[in-house]
Protein backbone atom coordinates (compact mmCIF):
# COMPACT_ATOMS: atom_id res chain seq x y z
CA UNK A 1 -51.94 -34.03 -21.37
CA UNK A 2 -52.68 -36.54 -25.11
CA UNK A 3 -51.10 -34.01 -28.20
CA UNK A 4 -53.36 -35.50 -30.96
CA UNK A 5 -52.69 -34.17 -33.50
CA UNK A 6 -50.86 -30.99 -32.03
CA UNK A 7 -53.81 -28.47 -32.79
CA UNK A 8 -54.75 -27.18 -29.21
CA UNK A 9 -50.57 -26.81 -29.11
CA UNK A 10 -50.45 -24.72 -31.91
CA UNK A 11 -53.42 -23.00 -30.89
CA UNK A 12 -52.68 -22.61 -27.08
CA UNK A 13 -49.27 -21.07 -28.74
CA UNK A 14 -51.09 -18.40 -31.19
CA UNK A 15 -53.11 -17.09 -27.90
CA UNK A 16 -49.84 -16.73 -26.08
CA UNK A 17 -48.38 -14.90 -28.15
CA UNK A 18 -50.91 -12.73 -29.14
CA UNK A 19 -51.41 -12.30 -25.28
CA UNK A 20 -47.97 -11.44 -24.50
CA UNK A 21 -47.75 -14.73 -22.24
CA UNK A 22 -44.45 -16.47 -21.63
CA UNK A 23 -45.44 -20.21 -23.08
CA UNK A 24 -44.23 -23.92 -21.34
CA UNK A 25 -46.22 -26.53 -22.91
CA UNK A 26 -45.09 -30.54 -22.33
CA UNK A 27 -47.56 -33.35 -23.26
CA UNK A 28 -47.87 -36.47 -22.56
CA UNK A 29 -49.10 -38.98 -25.62
CA UNK A 30 -48.78 -42.42 -24.99
CA UNK A 31 -49.61 -42.72 -29.19
CA UNK A 32 -47.38 -39.55 -30.70
CA UNK A 33 -49.72 -39.58 -34.12
CA UNK A 34 -46.52 -40.35 -37.09
CA UNK A 35 -44.56 -37.29 -37.96
CA UNK A 36 -45.81 -37.64 -41.65
CA UNK A 37 -49.88 -37.62 -40.05
CA UNK A 38 -48.78 -34.49 -38.21
CA UNK A 39 -47.57 -33.15 -41.03
CA UNK A 40 -50.62 -34.31 -43.37
CA UNK A 41 -52.76 -32.36 -40.43
CA UNK A 42 -51.32 -29.15 -40.26
CA UNK A 43 -50.44 -28.98 -43.74
CA UNK A 44 -54.82 -29.24 -44.24
CA UNK A 45 -54.90 -26.76 -41.37
CA UNK A 46 -52.11 -23.53 -43.11
CA UNK A 47 -50.17 -23.80 -40.46
CA UNK A 48 -46.57 -21.36 -40.74
CA UNK A 49 -43.62 -23.61 -41.05
CA UNK A 50 -42.14 -21.26 -37.61
CA UNK A 51 -45.51 -23.33 -35.90
CA UNK A 52 -44.79 -27.15 -37.32
CA UNK A 53 -40.99 -26.75 -35.98
CA UNK A 54 -41.83 -24.92 -32.37
CA UNK A 55 -44.86 -28.27 -32.78
CA UNK A 56 -42.54 -30.71 -33.17
CA UNK A 57 -39.81 -29.82 -30.93
CA UNK A 58 -41.98 -29.92 -28.17
CA UNK A 59 -40.87 -31.64 -24.89
CA UNK A 60 -43.23 -35.06 -25.47
CA UNK A 61 -43.54 -37.72 -22.23
CA UNK A 62 -44.23 -40.53 -24.67
CA UNK A 63 -44.19 -43.42 -21.81
CA UNK A 64 -48.08 -44.41 -20.77
CA UNK A 65 -49.08 -42.95 -18.12
CA UNK A 66 -50.11 -44.98 -14.85
CA UNK A 67 -51.02 -43.90 -11.19
CA UNK A 68 -47.54 -44.69 -10.65
CA UNK A 69 -46.15 -42.86 -13.08
CA UNK A 70 -43.76 -39.94 -11.89
CA UNK A 71 -46.12 -36.73 -12.75
CA UNK A 72 -45.07 -32.13 -11.63
CA UNK A 73 -47.23 -31.50 -8.83
CA UNK A 74 -48.95 -27.77 -8.47
CA UNK A 75 -47.25 -26.24 -11.69
CA UNK A 76 -49.31 -25.39 -14.01
CA UNK A 77 -51.71 -22.75 -14.97
CA UNK A 78 -54.02 -25.05 -18.05
CA UNK A 79 -54.30 -28.44 -18.76
CA UNK A 80 -55.79 -29.76 -21.85
CA UNK A 81 -57.51 -33.04 -20.71
CA UNK A 82 -57.54 -34.60 -23.71
CA UNK A 83 -57.80 -38.90 -23.17
CA UNK A 84 -60.03 -40.67 -25.42
CA UNK A 85 -63.44 -41.17 -23.70
CA UNK A 86 -64.31 -43.91 -20.61
CA UNK A 87 -65.87 -46.39 -23.47
CA UNK A 88 -62.63 -47.00 -25.38
CA UNK A 89 -59.24 -45.44 -22.75
CA UNK A 90 -61.38 -46.11 -18.63
CA UNK A 91 -58.24 -46.39 -16.91
CA UNK A 92 -57.63 -42.46 -17.91
CA UNK A 93 -61.06 -41.74 -16.41
CA UNK A 94 -60.97 -42.95 -12.80
CA UNK A 95 -61.41 -40.97 -10.01
CA UNK A 96 -58.09 -41.21 -8.57
CA UNK A 97 -56.08 -40.79 -12.26
CA UNK A 98 -58.58 -37.83 -12.53
CA UNK A 99 -57.51 -36.64 -9.25
CA UNK A 100 -53.54 -37.02 -10.98
CA UNK A 101 -54.43 -34.51 -13.11
CA UNK A 102 -55.76 -32.18 -10.93
CA UNK A 103 -52.92 -32.28 -8.93
CA UNK A 104 -50.53 -30.78 -10.92
CA UNK A 105 -52.52 -28.06 -11.26
CA UNK A 106 -51.23 -24.50 -9.41
CA UNK A 107 -53.81 -22.26 -7.08
CA UNK A 108 -56.18 -20.87 -9.43
CA UNK A 109 -55.46 -22.82 -12.46
CA UNK A 110 -58.39 -24.40 -15.48
CA UNK A 111 -58.33 -28.02 -16.79
CA UNK A 112 -60.93 -28.93 -19.65
CA UNK A 113 -62.01 -32.09 -21.28
CA UNK A 114 -63.84 -32.31 -24.28
CA UNK A 115 -65.16 -35.33 -22.42
CA UNK A 116 -68.51 -34.40 -20.56
CA UNK A 117 -69.64 -37.91 -19.75
CA UNK A 118 -72.01 -37.29 -16.37
CA UNK A 119 -69.13 -40.34 -14.48
CA UNK A 120 -66.65 -38.04 -15.35
CA UNK A 121 -68.81 -35.01 -13.92
CA UNK A 122 -69.21 -36.88 -10.91
CA UNK A 123 -66.46 -38.18 -10.41
CA UNK A 124 -64.40 -34.45 -10.59
CA UNK A 125 -67.13 -32.89 -8.60
CA UNK A 126 -66.10 -35.58 -5.54
CA UNK A 127 -62.98 -33.65 -4.65
CA UNK A 128 -65.07 -30.50 -4.42
CA UNK A 129 -64.01 -28.50 -6.56
CA UNK A 130 -66.21 -26.53 -8.81
CA UNK A 131 -66.95 -28.37 -12.47
CA UNK A 132 -68.44 -26.23 -15.10
CA UNK A 133 -70.03 -26.86 -18.75
CA UNK A 134 -69.00 -24.33 -20.51
CA UNK A 135 -70.11 -24.46 -25.25
CA UNK A 136 -68.53 -26.97 -26.49
CA UNK A 137 -66.25 -26.53 -30.24
CA UNK A 138 -68.37 -27.78 -33.28
CA UNK A 139 -69.55 -31.14 -32.49
CA UNK A 140 -69.68 -31.38 -29.44
CA UNK A 141 -72.56 -29.84 -27.58
CA UNK A 142 -70.70 -29.06 -23.96
CA UNK A 143 -66.99 -29.35 -22.20
CA UNK A 144 -65.73 -28.84 -19.14
CA UNK A 145 -63.99 -26.63 -17.15
CA UNK A 146 -62.27 -27.17 -13.79
CA UNK A 147 -60.31 -24.15 -11.94
CA UNK A 148 -58.52 -25.05 -8.76
CA UNK A 149 -59.18 -22.73 -5.78
CA UNK A 150 -57.39 -20.62 -4.69
CA UNK A 151 -57.72 -21.21 -1.53
CA UNK A 152 -57.85 -24.59 -0.21
């Protein structure tokens, strides 16, 4: 949820290719970056032409997501929840919205976000699933990870 520059998508594709996993990647991005901006980022990251082509052809759902939007159910192994933080996009961090995005996971699926604010942790924990706080990427002290239980 949130394609941004496509960095998560390209890194996931690289991992899948190296690991021999089949990858089906979809993105929900209400405000896609202009092609020129994404191309400039890809150039700075030294992405291959094949990676750029793959990214340009990803299925992207470009409508803003609301509580009324149709989302698939229990169909994904991984969700990157990459919305801007609650101070910018409050509507994406409500308990009902977070739970909708948890619902798209298959049993054993993983949901991650760079936002580790207490209000978000509590909304995720309200689901009754374990919320982990691994170390974040450079510039982020921690992030959040939730794993959907194998059994309800």
